[in-house]
């Protein structure tokens, strides 16, 4: 059995003052998410990733 690993995306999450920032880099480009509520930031990020990679 041969396994090939491929990186699909790179996610960097930072906190700047009272705001959370997620920088996401995929083959489709780079996108930045900002929200004061961490869970809302993650929800938006993962919905977008599901849409982009859902067809894999």
Protein backbone atom coordinates (compact mmCIF):
# COMPACT_ATOMS: atom_id res chain seq x y z
CA UNK A 1 0.00 0.00 0.00
CA UNK A 2 1.33 3.40 -1.01
CA UNK A 3 0.26 6.50 0.87
CA UNK A 4 0.77 9.97 -0.57
CA UNK A 5 0.38 12.94 1.76
CA UNK A 6 -0.59 16.32 0.38
CA UNK A 7 -1.13 19.52 2.31
CA UNK A 8 -4.58 20.95 1.54
CA UNK A 9 -4.38 24.19 3.51
CA UNK A 10 -2.42 26.21 6.03
CA UNK A 11 -4.30 27.89 8.88
CA UNK A 12 -2.80 30.50 11.20
CA UNK A 13 -4.92 31.84 14.08
CA UNK A 14 -3.91 34.97 15.98
CA UNK A 15 -5.45 37.19 18.62
CA UNK A 16 -5.03 40.91 18.17
CA UNK A 17 -6.55 42.89 21.02
CA UNK A 18 -10.13 41.67 21.35
CA UNK A 19 -10.28 40.25 17.84
CA UNK A 20 -9.40 36.77 16.53
CA UNK A 21 -7.84 36.54 13.08
CA UNK A 22 -7.52 33.40 10.98
CA UNK A 23 -5.34 33.44 7.88
CA UNK A 24 -6.07 30.51 5.57
CA UNK A 25 -3.97 29.60 2.55
CA UNK A 26 -5.26 27.01 0.07
CA UNK A 27 -4.59 26.26 -3.58
CA UNK A 28 -7.50 28.62 -4.31
CA UNK A 29 -5.70 31.54 -2.65
CA UNK A 30 -5.42 33.26 0.71
CA UNK A 31 -8.36 34.42 2.81
CA UNK A 32 -8.53 36.21 6.15
CA UNK A 33 -11.32 35.86 8.73
CA UNK A 34 -11.91 38.28 11.61
CA UNK A 35 -14.31 38.01 14.52
CA UNK A 36 -14.44 38.94 18.19
CA UNK A 37 -16.05 35.57 19.01
CA UNK A 38 -13.66 32.64 18.51
CA UNK A 39 -16.40 30.05 17.88
CA UNK A 40 -18.00 32.23 15.19
CA UNK A 41 -14.63 32.66 13.49
CA UNK A 42 -14.11 28.88 13.43
CA UNK A 43 -17.66 28.23 12.20
CA UNK A 44 -17.24 30.58 9.22
CA UNK A 45 -13.78 29.21 8.43
CA UNK A 46 -14.88 25.56 8.46
CA UNK A 47 -18.04 26.23 6.41
CA UNK A 48 -15.86 27.80 3.71
CA UNK A 49 -13.37 24.91 3.86
CA UNK A 50 -16.21 22.39 3.56
CA UNK A 51 -17.46 24.19 0.46
CA UNK A 52 -13.99 24.26 -1.08
CA UNK A 53 -12.96 20.69 -0.23
CA UNK A 54 -16.35 19.01 -0.07
CA UNK A 55 -15.98 17.69 -3.60
CA UNK A 56 -12.67 15.90 -2.89
